[in-house]
Amino acid sequence: MATETATQTVESTSNGDWQAGVVAGVAAGIAMGALMVMQMRPVLEVAIPSMYFLSGGLAGFTIHVAHGAVLGVVFAAIAATRPDLSTGTSLGLGVAYGVVLWVVLAVLVMPVWLSVVGSPANPPLPNVNVTSLVGHAVYGAVLGAAYPAVRGRL
């Protein structure tokens, strides 16, 4: 006598979510990096690369975009909790996320990290800088706007 076993296949969009987070995070990191080239070049050339014992603008820009990609995945995990995520809601969530990143990472974590590694670009703690706040808000806006557009295509 033959036995049949039924299997159930569940299709998941979770891969598309995190992949969209990477793509949107890279786009947002490039946009913010472009602003930094114009307004905060020493951060890209000295501060960010020295976090990893590197130097130079190319290293700083590359690291910044890589950070943007990783943080884009975190945004995707947060956004995935909102099944009714519209572009407008995602944009607002992205700007709020960018501001939170600024407070936690730029104002608090980065000065401590740079101090620990002995960077020559060690800012004060807290490192409150309005230009950096604007850059992080732009990162969040681009991330929030790009995420739903990319998510629908992956």
Protein backbone atom coordinates (compact mmCIF):
# COMPACT_ATOMS: atom_id res chain seq x y z
CA MET A 1 0.00 0.00 0.00
CA ALA A 2 1.38 3.39 -1.01
CA THR A 3 1.45 6.33 1.35
CA GLU A 4 1.15 9.92 0.17
CA THR A 5 2.43 12.83 2.14
CA ALA A 6 1.08 16.30 1.47
CA THR A 7 3.51 19.17 1.63
CA GLN A 8 2.64 22.78 1.89
CA THR A 9 4.67 25.49 0.21
CA VAL A 10 4.61 28.92 1.77
CA GLU A 11 5.73 31.83 -0.37
CA SER A 12 7.55 34.50 1.57
CA THR A 13 8.30 38.08 0.64
CA SER A 14 10.79 38.48 3.44
CA ASN A 15 13.74 38.22 1.04
CA GLY A 16 12.25 41.03 -1.01
CA ASP A 17 11.89 43.11 2.15
CA TRP A 18 15.52 42.92 3.23
CA GLN A 19 16.78 43.20 -0.35
CA ALA A 20 14.68 46.33 -0.80
CA GLY A 21 16.20 47.61 2.44
CA VAL A 22 19.71 47.10 1.06
CA VAL A 23 18.95 48.80 -2.26
CA ALA A 24 17.08 51.71 -0.66
CA GLY A 25 19.79 52.01 2.00
CA VAL A 26 22.52 52.21 -0.63
CA ALA A 27 20.60 54.89 -2.54
CA ALA A 28 20.04 56.85 0.67
CA GLY A 29 23.69 56.43 1.70
CA ILE A 30 24.83 57.79 -1.66
CA ALA A 31 22.47 60.76 -1.38
CA MET A 32 23.65 61.59 2.13
CA GLY A 33 27.26 60.96 1.11
CA ALA A 34 26.91 63.47 -1.72
CA LEU A 35 25.75 66.07 0.81
CA MET A 36 28.67 65.17 3.04
CA VAL A 37 31.14 65.66 0.18
CA MET A 38 29.83 69.21 -0.19
CA GLN A 39 29.31 70.12 3.47
CA MET A 40 31.19 67.72 5.75
CA ARG A 41 34.16 66.49 3.76
CA PRO A 42 36.43 65.93 6.82
CA VAL A 43 33.90 63.47 8.23
CA LEU A 44 34.15 61.37 5.05
CA GLU A 45 37.91 61.77 4.65
CA VAL A 46 39.02 61.33 8.27
CA ALA A 47 36.35 60.48 10.84
CA ILE A 48 34.47 57.63 9.15
CA PRO A 49 37.51 55.81 7.74
CA SER A 50 39.44 56.15 10.99
CA MET A 51 36.67 54.20 12.74
CA TYR A 52 38.12 51.20 10.88
CA PHE A 53 41.79 52.29 10.92
CA LEU A 54 41.60 53.46 7.29
CA SER A 55 42.06 56.84 5.65
CA GLY A 56 40.82 58.79 2.68
CA GLY A 57 37.60 59.94 1.13
CA LEU A 58 37.00 56.85 -1.00
CA ALA A 59 37.26 54.62 2.07
CA GLY A 60 34.97 56.94 4.02
CA PHE A 61 32.36 57.12 1.26
CA THR A 62 32.43 53.35 0.77
CA ILE A 63 32.05 52.68 4.48
CA HIS A 64 29.26 55.24 4.71
CA VAL A 65 27.31 53.58 1.89
CA ALA A 66 27.88 50.15 3.49
CA HIS A 67 26.51 51.51 6.78
CA GLY A 68 23.55 52.86 4.79
CA ALA A 69 22.87 49.40 3.35
CA VAL A 70 22.96 47.69 6.75
CA LEU A 71 20.76 50.35 8.32
CA GLY A 72 18.42 49.99 5.35
CA VAL A 73 17.88 46.34 6.31
CA VAL A 74 17.00 47.44 9.86
CA PHE A 75 14.52 49.92 8.36
CA ALA A 76 13.03 47.12 6.25
CA ALA A 77 12.50 45.03 9.40
CA ILE A 78 10.69 47.95 11.03
CA ALA A 79 8.66 48.76 7.90
CA ALA A 80 7.67 45.10 7.48
CA THR A 81 5.63 45.41 10.68
CA ARG A 82 3.34 47.82 8.81
CA PRO A 83 1.30 45.77 6.30
CA ASP A 84 -0.48 48.89 5.03
CA LEU A 85 2.76 50.81 4.35
CA SER A 86 2.07 53.56 1.82
CA THR A 87 4.80 55.65 0.22
CA GLY A 88 3.81 58.65 2.35
CA THR A 89 3.88 56.63 5.56
CA SER A 90 7.20 55.10 4.58
CA LEU A 91 8.61 58.55 3.85
CA GLY A 92 7.54 59.83 7.28
CA LEU A 93 8.84 56.70 8.97
CA GLY A 94 12.11 57.11 7.08
CA VAL A 95 12.62 60.71 8.20
CA ALA A 96 11.88 59.74 11.82
CA TYR A 97 14.29 56.79 11.47
CA GLY A 98 16.98 59.13 10.11
CA VAL A 99 16.58 61.45 13.10
CA VAL A 100 16.81 58.51 15.52
CA LEU A 101 19.96 57.31 13.73
CA TRP A 102 21.43 60.79 14.09
CA VAL A 103 20.75 60.89 17.85
CA VAL A 104 22.00 57.39 18.57
CA LEU A 105 24.82 56.93 16.06
CA ALA A 106 26.13 60.41 15.19
CA VAL A 107 25.52 62.24 18.46
CA LEU A 108 26.39 59.44 20.89
CA VAL A 109 28.07 56.36 19.39
CA MET A 110 30.43 57.92 16.84
CA PRO A 111 32.25 60.22 19.31
CA VAL A 112 32.80 57.32 21.71
CA TRP A 113 33.94 55.00 18.91
CA LEU A 114 36.37 57.61 17.51
CA SER A 115 37.75 58.23 21.00
CA VAL A 116 38.30 54.51 21.58
CA VAL A 117 40.21 54.05 18.30
CA GLY A 118 42.22 57.24 18.87
CA SER A 119 40.98 59.05 15.79
CA PRO A 120 42.43 62.48 15.01
CA ALA A 121 38.84 63.56 14.22
CA ASN A 122 37.42 62.93 17.67
CA PRO A 123 34.33 65.15 18.13
CA PRO A 124 32.91 66.13 21.51
CA LEU A 125 30.34 64.00 23.29
CA PRO A 126 27.53 64.67 22.58
CA ASN A 127 28.27 65.58 18.97
CA VAL A 128 25.29 67.81 18.17
CA ASN A 129 25.68 69.12 14.63
CA VAL A 130 22.72 70.52 12.66
CA THR A 131 24.33 69.77 9.29
CA SER A 132 24.63 66.13 10.33
CA LEU A 133 20.99 66.14 11.46
CA VAL A 134 19.89 67.43 8.05
CA GLY A 135 22.03 64.78 6.33
CA HIS A 136 20.48 62.00 8.40
CA ALA A 137 16.98 63.34 7.73
CA VAL A 138 17.78 63.30 3.99
CA TYR A 139 19.07 59.73 4.35
CA GLY A 140 15.79 58.77 6.01
CA ALA A 141 13.67 60.57 3.41
CA VAL A 142 15.41 58.87 0.49
CA LEU A 143 15.28 55.53 2.30
CA GLY A 144 11.61 55.92 3.13
CA ALA A 145 10.67 57.00 -0.39
CA ALA A 146 12.77 54.36 -2.17
CA TYR A 147 11.91 51.39 0.03
CA PRO A 148 8.28 50.81 -1.07
CA ALA A 149 9.17 51.43 -4.72
CA VAL A 150 11.99 48.90 -4.64
CA ARG A 151 10.09 46.44 -2.44
CA GLY A 152 7.35 46.15 -5.05
CA ARG A 153 9.89 45.14 -7.69
CA LEU A 154 11.85 42.44 -5.84
